[in-house]
Amino acid sequence: MNGSRTKAQAGVNLPALRHHNAALVLDLLRAAGAEGISRLELAERTGLTPQAVSKITARLRAEGLAVGAGLRPSTGGKPRTVLRLVPDAQFAVGLHLDRDGLTAVLVDLAGRSVAVTTAPLDFGAPAEQVLADAADAVRDLSAAEPHKPVLGLGVAVPGPLDHRDGVLHRVTGFPQWDGFPLRDALAERTGLPVTVDKDTNAAALTLSLSEPLGDFAYLHLGTGLGAGLVLGGEVHRGARTGAGEFGHQTLQLDGPLCGCGGRGCIEALCLAAEARGDRAEAARVLGAGAANLVGLLDIDRVVLGGRTVAADEDTYVRGVRAVIEERAARGGGGGTVTVIAAGGGDRPVAEGAAQLVLAPVFGRVGERGEWG
């Protein structure tokens, strides 16, 4: 993961912004990778004074977050000292709670997964059992690096939910979770700061940090169907953090009953086609919904993910692309939209959950979670 900005944010030399300025420096160190970056370059790219950069980097070195990476020849004067990030100085845990299983990842500061665990999960079980299974997975995973601090726990779950307060709403098929304070409950269980977001938003976040994709929609087809939207460089959650309930748009007014209580939802139609072995039809249905999004949002790219897509990425990519191109040929827009597969099945969701913790550390204030 490079996580680089096209242009570094400008720093401000005010004591009140000490953390903000340190985050800008950390983000540039992360983007520089093993080659490192000099203090002069840090000052130039952040707009901070060389003195401010020296103070920040000295503090980062004292905290074990940065180290020297050798000397770089100078065109004049003494060689420049180069610094690099220490990726394994701290870690974050990402947890994906799906309807039938969980995935937990331990991620270092560079965004690399250093340990992964998976286990069955019954999301319909009593809340205490689900919490116990989740806490056990986090505890076991954290033991992989017992002497390194874990900054926090990011949790990705099916929506809808309140991202700010970490409270679940009526998850399709599991109405008993409506109003449950998942963030606070897991914080109490694990002793870690916790932030909660939708599974699709978490995956969209990690994709947006890994490479520039412009405005895009991440469509996740697994045990359910949802979307994560990245608009203007940030995950779009909406005024009530409920954006992205893509699977429950109606495509057929008199269609089959959906678990949400509606009829003819794209999720119900798509999963029904998969269940009867008609993957081409499932891809066509997904493409119809994707074309609607393209026409509505004028996005640059559609990224497909989730375990169902992973089972046959080519069929889904071709099918979705064909519908979007057909709509464009009729003047519906989307002729230059790229359709790709994210790869990794459900893995990007867990990794994105960890990024909910790491993003604020590197000054990604637009992705800042609400901590318990």
Protein backbone atom coordinates (compact mmCIF):
# COMPACT_ATOMS: atom_id res chain seq x y z
CA MET A 1 0.00 0.00 0.00
CA ASN A 2 1.56 3.31 -0.96
CA GLY A 3 -1.05 5.66 0.53
CA SER A 4 0.65 8.62 -1.17
CA ARG A 5 -1.07 11.90 -1.83
CA THR A 6 -0.88 13.48 -5.25
CA LYS A 7 0.04 16.65 -3.41
CA ALA A 8 0.95 16.81 0.26
CA GLN A 9 -1.37 18.76 2.50
CA ALA A 10 0.06 22.00 3.76
CA GLY A 11 1.25 22.03 7.36
CA VAL A 12 0.77 24.95 9.72
CA ASN A 13 3.34 25.98 12.31
CA LEU A 14 1.03 26.30 15.30
CA PRO A 15 1.45 24.39 18.59
CA ALA A 16 -2.24 23.47 18.55
CA LEU A 17 -1.65 21.54 15.32
CA ARG A 18 1.24 19.46 16.63
CA HIS A 19 -0.55 16.16 16.04
CA HIS A 20 -1.79 17.28 12.63
CA ASN A 21 1.70 18.23 11.48
CA ALA A 22 3.19 15.00 12.82
CA ALA A 23 0.54 13.06 10.91
CA LEU A 24 1.51 14.83 7.68
CA VAL A 25 5.15 13.87 8.23
CA LEU A 26 4.22 10.28 9.08
CA ASP A 27 2.16 9.99 5.91
CA LEU A 28 5.08 11.15 3.78
CA LEU A 29 7.41 8.72 5.56
CA ARG A 30 4.93 5.92 4.84
CA ALA A 31 4.67 6.92 1.17
CA ALA A 32 8.47 7.02 0.82
CA GLY A 33 8.77 3.37 1.86
CA ALA A 34 12.14 1.76 2.54
CA GLU A 35 14.02 4.39 0.50
CA GLY A 36 13.05 7.06 2.99
CA ILE A 37 12.86 10.81 2.67
CA SER A 38 15.04 13.70 3.87
CA ARG A 39 14.03 16.40 6.34
CA LEU A 40 14.42 19.01 3.62
CA GLU A 41 11.98 17.15 1.39
CA LEU A 42 9.57 16.81 4.30
CA ALA A 43 9.70 20.55 4.87
CA GLU A 44 9.18 21.30 1.18
CA ARG A 45 6.18 18.97 0.83
CA THR A 46 4.40 19.94 4.04
CA GLY A 47 5.15 23.67 4.04
CA LEU A 48 6.54 23.36 7.56
CA THR A 49 9.75 25.09 8.56
CA PRO A 50 12.92 22.95 8.71
CA GLN A 51 13.02 23.60 12.47
CA ALA A 52 9.48 22.28 12.91
CA VAL A 53 10.29 19.20 10.84
CA SER A 54 13.41 18.56 12.90
CA LYS A 55 11.40 18.67 16.13
CA ILE A 56 8.72 16.37 14.74
CA THR A 57 11.16 13.82 13.35
CA ALA A 58 13.18 13.85 16.58
CA ARG A 59 10.00 13.03 18.49
CA LEU A 60 9.05 10.31 16.01
CA ARG A 61 12.50 8.75 16.36
CA ALA A 62 12.28 8.87 20.14
CA GLU A 63 8.92 7.11 19.96
CA GLY A 64 10.35 4.43 17.68
CA LEU A 65 8.18 5.40 14.71
CA ALA A 66 11.03 6.59 12.47
CA VAL A 67 14.70 5.67 12.02
CA GLY A 68 17.60 6.79 9.91
CA ALA A 69 17.85 5.20 6.47
CA GLY A 70 21.33 6.32 5.49
CA LEU A 71 22.61 9.38 3.68
CA ARG A 72 21.62 10.82 0.32
CA PRO A 73 24.27 12.61 -1.78
CA SER A 74 23.76 16.35 -1.90
CA THR A 75 24.33 18.65 -4.85
CA GLY A 76 25.91 21.08 -2.45
CA GLY A 77 26.92 20.95 1.21
CA LYS A 78 26.84 17.88 3.43
CA PRO A 79 24.85 14.77 2.50
CA ARG A 80 21.25 14.68 3.64
CA THR A 81 20.12 12.28 6.35
CA VAL A 82 17.25 10.13 5.13
CA LEU A 83 14.49 8.88 7.44
CA ARG A 84 12.01 6.07 7.02
CA LEU A 85 8.95 4.79 8.83
CA VAL A 86 9.25 1.79 11.17
CA PRO A 87 6.24 -0.23 10.01
CA ASP A 88 6.26 -2.71 12.89
CA ALA A 89 6.41 -0.08 15.63
CA GLN A 90 2.63 -0.25 16.05
CA PHE A 91 -0.27 -2.27 14.73
CA ALA A 92 -4.02 -2.12 14.15
CA VAL A 93 -6.57 -4.93 14.12
CA GLY A 94 -9.25 -5.16 11.46
CA LEU A 95 -12.28 -7.38 12.10
CA HIS A 96 -14.90 -8.36 9.51
CA LEU A 97 -18.06 -9.77 11.04
CA ASP A 98 -20.09 -11.39 8.28
CA ARG A 99 -23.36 -13.26 8.54
CA ASP A 100 -21.65 -16.67 8.63
CA GLY A 101 -18.00 -16.06 9.50
CA LEU A 102 -15.37 -13.66 10.76
CA THR A 103 -12.00 -12.58 9.45
CA ALA A 104 -9.46 -10.72 11.57
CA VAL A 105 -6.18 -9.21 10.38
CA LEU A 106 -3.25 -7.64 12.18
CA VAL A 107 -1.89 -4.78 10.07
CA ASP A 108 1.32 -2.79 10.51
CA LEU A 109 1.74 0.93 9.96
CA ALA A 110 2.56 0.40 6.29
CA GLY A 111 -0.78 -1.33 5.80
CA ARG A 112 0.66 -4.83 5.43
CA SER A 113 -1.19 -7.78 6.96
CA VAL A 114 1.18 -9.67 9.24
CA ALA A 115 -1.32 -12.17 10.66
CA VAL A 116 -4.78 -13.37 9.64
CA THR A 117 -7.37 -15.56 11.31
CA THR A 118 -10.76 -16.80 10.14
CA ALA A 119 -13.52 -18.64 11.98
CA PRO A 120 -17.19 -19.56 11.54
CA LEU A 121 -19.67 -17.09 13.00
CA ASP A 122 -23.41 -17.22 13.51
CA PHE A 123 -24.47 -13.59 13.30
CA GLY A 124 -27.95 -14.70 14.32
CA ALA A 125 -26.70 -16.06 17.66
CA PRO A 126 -27.25 -14.08 20.89
CA ALA A 127 -25.17 -10.91 21.00
CA GLU A 128 -23.08 -12.17 23.92
CA GLN A 129 -21.92 -15.16 21.88
CA VAL A 130 -21.05 -13.05 18.85
CA LEU A 131 -19.13 -10.60 21.05
CA ALA A 132 -17.25 -13.44 22.75
CA ASP A 133 -16.24 -14.96 19.41
CA ALA A 134 -15.10 -11.55 18.12
CA ALA A 135 -13.12 -10.74 21.26
CA ASP A 136 -11.43 -14.15 21.20
CA ALA A 137 -10.33 -13.60 17.60
CA VAL A 138 -8.91 -10.17 18.42
CA ARG A 139 -7.10 -11.50 21.48
CA ASP A 140 -5.57 -14.41 19.59
CA LEU A 141 -4.47 -12.17 16.73
CA SER A 142 -2.92 -9.55 19.01
CA ALA A 143 -0.80 -12.29 20.55
CA ALA A 144 1.09 -12.52 17.24
CA GLU A 145 2.99 -9.34 18.24
CA PRO A 146 2.67 -9.36 22.04
CA HIS A 147 5.29 -6.70 22.70
CA LYS A 148 4.08 -4.14 20.15
CA PRO A 149 1.24 -1.72 20.86
CA VAL A 150 -2.11 -2.18 19.11
CA LEU A 151 -3.57 1.23 18.31
CA GLY A 152 -7.16 0.11 18.06
CA LEU A 153 -9.76 -2.17 16.55
CA GLY A 154 -11.66 -1.42 13.36
CA VAL A 155 -14.84 -3.44 12.86
CA ALA A 156 -16.65 -3.91 9.55
CA VAL A 157 -20.19 -5.33 9.57
CA PRO A 158 -23.19 -5.46 7.23
CA GLY A 159 -25.26 -2.28 7.25
CA PRO A 160 -27.20 -0.23 7.80
CA LEU A 161 -25.57 1.31 10.85
CA ASP A 162 -24.58 4.57 12.54
CA HIS A 163 -20.86 4.97 11.87
CA ARG A 164 -20.47 7.91 14.27
CA ASP A 165 -21.89 6.16 17.32
CA GLY A 166 -21.03 2.60 16.33
CA VAL A 167 -24.65 1.47 16.64
CA LEU A 168 -26.17 -1.13 14.33
CA HIS A 169 -29.55 -0.72 12.64
CA ARG A 170 -31.77 -3.36 11.03
CA VAL A 171 -29.24 -5.65 9.33
CA THR A 172 -31.12 -7.55 6.62
CA GLY A 173 -32.22 -10.89 8.06
CA PHE A 174 -31.04 -10.00 11.57
CA PRO A 175 -33.47 -7.40 12.99
CA GLN A 176 -32.42 -8.26 16.56
CA TRP A 177 -29.29 -6.14 16.10
CA ASP A 178 -31.31 -2.95 15.58
CA GLY A 179 -30.02 -0.35 18.05
CA PHE A 180 -27.19 -2.51 19.40
CA PRO A 181 -24.13 -0.43 20.57
CA LEU A 182 -21.49 -2.63 18.94
CA ARG A 183 -18.64 -0.15 19.27
CA ASP A 184 -19.00 0.32 23.01
CA ALA A 185 -19.65 -3.37 23.65
CA LEU A 186 -16.48 -4.46 21.82
CA ALA A 187 -14.42 -1.70 23.42
CA GLU A 188 -15.43 -3.04 26.82
CA ARG A 189 -14.66 -6.62 25.78
CA THR A 190 -11.26 -5.97 24.19
CA GLY A 191 -9.96 -2.94 26.09
CA LEU A 192 -9.14 -1.28 22.75
CA PRO A 193 -10.45 1.89 21.11
CA VAL A 194 -13.01 0.72 18.53
CA THR A 195 -14.48 2.22 15.39
CA VAL A 196 -17.30 0.59 13.41
CA ASP A 197 -18.27 0.97 9.77
CA LYS A 198 -20.09 -0.90 7.04
CA ASP A 199 -18.18 -3.71 5.36
CA THR A 200 -18.46 -2.01 1.97
CA ASN A 201 -17.13 1.31 3.28
CA ALA A 202 -14.16 -0.41 4.87
CA ALA A 203 -13.23 -2.14 1.61
CA ALA A 204 -13.70 1.09 -0.36
CA LEU A 205 -11.40 2.87 2.08
CA THR A 206 -8.51 0.46 1.69
CA LEU A 207 -8.91 0.48 -2.10
CA SER A 208 -8.85 4.28 -2.18
CA LEU A 209 -5.64 4.35 -0.14
CA SER A 210 -3.85 1.70 -2.18
CA GLU A 211 -4.00 3.49 -5.54
CA PRO A 212 -5.75 6.49 -7.09
CA LEU A 213 -9.06 5.29 -8.56
CA GLY A 214 -10.92 8.58 -8.92
CA ASP A 215 -14.59 8.51 -8.00
CA PHE A 216 -15.68 4.88 -7.79
CA ALA A 217 -18.21 2.46 -6.40
CA TYR A 218 -17.16 -0.75 -4.69
CA LEU A 219 -19.88 -3.39 -5.06
CA HIS A 220 -19.57 -6.25 -2.59
CA LEU A 221 -21.43 -9.47 -3.36
CA GLY A 222 -21.11 -12.12 -0.70
CA THR A 223 -23.77 -13.20 1.76
CA GLY A 224 -25.48 -9.93 0.85
CA LEU A 225 -24.97 -7.05 -1.57
CA GLY A 226 -23.89 -3.51 -0.75
CA ALA A 227 -21.84 -0.61 -2.05
CA GLY A 228 -19.06 1.59 -0.78
CA LEU A 229 -18.81 4.97 -2.51
CA VAL A 230 -15.66 7.07 -2.82
CA LEU A 231 -16.48 10.58 -4.05
CA GLY A 232 -14.08 13.50 -4.07
CA GLY A 233 -11.34 11.32 -2.58
CA GLU A 234 -13.31 10.33 0.53
CA VAL A 235 -15.69 7.56 1.52
CA HIS A 236 -19.20 8.96 1.16
CA ARG A 237 -21.33 7.90 4.12
CA GLY A 238 -24.19 10.37 3.85
CA ALA A 239 -25.77 12.69 6.42
CA ARG A 240 -26.83 9.77 8.62
CA THR A 241 -23.87 7.53 7.61
CA GLY A 242 -26.32 5.24 5.82
CA ALA A 243 -25.23 5.68 2.19
CA GLY A 244 -24.48 2.60 0.11
CA GLU A 245 -27.54 0.41 0.72
CA PHE A 246 -27.17 -0.58 -2.92
CA GLY A 247 -28.62 -4.08 -2.62
CA HIS A 248 -32.09 -2.86 -1.73
CA GLN A 249 -32.87 -0.74 -4.75
CA THR A 250 -35.94 -2.14 -6.47
CA LEU A 251 -35.46 -3.53 -9.97
CA GLN A 252 -38.72 -5.49 -10.24
CA LEU A 253 -41.86 -4.10 -8.60
CA ASP A 254 -43.60 -7.47 -8.41
CA GLY A 255 -40.40 -9.44 -7.85
CA PRO A 256 -39.54 -11.95 -5.14
CA LEU A 257 -39.67 -10.99 -1.48
CA CYS A 258 -36.35 -9.77 -0.08
CA GLY A 259 -35.09 -10.22 3.45
CA CYS A 260 -35.45 -6.46 3.94
CA GLY A 261 -39.22 -6.76 3.48
CA GLY A 262 -39.31 -5.26 0.00
CA ARG A 263 -39.83 -6.96 -3.34
CA GLY A 264 -37.62 -7.23 -6.39
CA CYS A 265 -34.49 -5.90 -4.68
CA ILE A 266 -31.29 -6.28 -6.64
CA GLU A 267 -29.82 -8.34 -3.77
CA ALA A 268 -32.67 -10.85 -3.83
CA LEU A 269 -32.60 -11.14 -7.63
CA CYS A 270 -28.83 -11.47 -7.81
CA LEU A 271 -28.50 -14.06 -5.05
CA ALA A 272 -31.45 -16.04 -6.41
CA ALA A 273 -29.77 -16.27 -9.81
CA GLU A 274 -26.55 -17.43 -8.14
CA ALA A 275 -28.45 -20.03 -6.10
CA ARG A 276 -29.95 -21.61 -9.23
CA GLY A 277 -26.57 -21.66 -10.97
CA ASP A 278 -27.26 -18.86 -13.46
CA ARG A 279 -24.19 -16.74 -12.84
CA ALA A 280 -24.51 -14.89 -16.14
CA GLU A 281 -27.96 -13.68 -15.06
CA ALA A 282 -26.61 -12.71 -11.62
CA ALA A 283 -23.92 -10.64 -13.34
CA ARG A 284 -26.52 -9.04 -15.61
CA VAL A 285 -28.67 -8.07 -12.63
CA LEU A 286 -25.64 -6.66 -10.83
CA GLY A 287 -24.75 -4.77 -14.00
CA ALA A 288 -28.20 -3.18 -14.11
CA GLY A 289 -27.71 -1.81 -10.62
CA ALA A 290 -24.17 -0.70 -11.42
CA ALA A 291 -25.37 1.13 -14.53
CA ASN A 292 -27.92 2.95 -12.40
CA LEU A 293 -25.13 4.10 -10.08
CA VAL A 294 -22.97 5.22 -12.99
CA GLY A 295 -25.80 7.27 -14.41
CA LEU A 296 -26.66 8.76 -11.04
CA LEU A 297 -23.17 9.59 -9.77
CA ASP A 298 -21.07 9.91 -12.97
CA ILE A 299 -18.33 7.78 -11.40
CA ASP A 300 -15.08 6.76 -13.12
CA ARG A 301 -14.87 3.15 -12.03
CA VAL A 302 -16.83 0.19 -10.70
CA VAL A 303 -14.89 -2.26 -8.51
CA LEU A 304 -16.40 -5.68 -7.81
CA GLY A 305 -15.57 -7.71 -4.72
CA GLY A 306 -16.78 -10.28 -2.22
CA ARG A 307 -16.63 -14.04 -2.09
CA THR A 308 -19.36 -14.60 -4.70
CA VAL A 309 -17.57 -12.40 -7.23
CA ALA A 310 -14.26 -14.07 -6.33
CA ALA A 311 -15.70 -17.44 -7.36
CA ASP A 312 -15.86 -16.26 -10.99
CA GLU A 313 -14.41 -12.79 -11.43
CA ASP A 314 -14.30 -12.92 -15.23
CA THR A 315 -18.02 -13.64 -15.58
CA TYR A 316 -18.99 -10.84 -13.23
CA VAL A 317 -16.61 -8.27 -14.71
CA ARG A 318 -17.71 -9.07 -18.28
CA GLY A 319 -21.39 -9.13 -17.37
CA VAL A 320 -21.38 -5.86 -15.47
CA ARG A 321 -19.26 -4.14 -18.11
CA ALA A 322 -21.60 -5.29 -20.88
CA VAL A 323 -24.67 -3.77 -19.23
CA ILE A 324 -22.90 -0.47 -18.53
CA GLU A 325 -21.64 -0.27 -22.12
CA GLU A 326 -25.07 -1.13 -23.49
CA ARG A 327 -26.61 1.65 -21.40
CA ALA A 328 -23.92 4.06 -22.62
CA ALA A 329 -24.61 3.14 -26.26
CA ARG A 330 -28.20 4.27 -25.75
CA GLY A 331 -26.98 7.60 -24.42
CA GLY A 332 -27.18 6.70 -20.75
CA GLY A 333 -23.60 7.65 -19.90
CA GLY A 334 -20.82 5.44 -18.58
CA GLY A 335 -19.05 4.76 -21.86
CA THR A 336 -15.60 5.32 -20.34
CA VAL A 337 -16.24 3.63 -17.00
CA THR A 338 -13.73 0.95 -16.02
CA VAL A 339 -15.00 -2.26 -14.42
CA ILE A 340 -12.49 -4.34 -12.45
CA ALA A 341 -12.39 -6.94 -9.69
CA ALA A 342 -10.83 -6.04 -6.36
CA GLY A 343 -9.48 -9.55 -5.82
CA GLY A 344 -8.93 -11.19 -2.46
CA GLY A 345 -12.53 -12.18 -1.82
CA ASP A 346 -13.60 -10.81 1.56
CA ARG A 347 -10.03 -9.96 2.62
CA PRO A 348 -10.21 -6.25 1.59
CA VAL A 349 -13.05 -5.77 4.07
CA ALA A 350 -10.96 -6.85 7.07
CA GLU A 351 -7.94 -4.89 5.84
CA GLY A 352 -10.16 -1.85 5.34
CA ALA A 353 -11.44 -2.22 8.90
CA ALA A 354 -7.84 -1.90 10.10
CA GLN A 355 -7.46 1.22 7.96
CA LEU A 356 -10.32 2.79 9.92
CA VAL A 357 -7.81 2.85 12.77
CA LEU A 358 -4.72 3.84 10.78
CA ALA A 359 -6.20 6.58 8.57
CA PRO A 360 -6.35 9.23 11.33
CA VAL A 361 -2.76 8.41 12.37
CA PHE A 362 -1.60 9.56 8.94
CA GLY A 363 -3.75 12.67 8.80
CA ARG A 364 -6.54 11.20 6.71
CA VAL A 365 -9.00 13.36 8.59
CA GLY A 366 -11.78 12.72 6.09
CA GLU A 367 -11.75 9.08 7.23
CA ARG A 368 -11.54 9.75 10.94
CA GLY A 369 -13.64 7.34 12.95
CA GLU A 370 -15.52 7.96 16.16
CA TRP A 371 -13.74 6.21 19.01
CA GLY A 372 -15.16 4.43 21.99
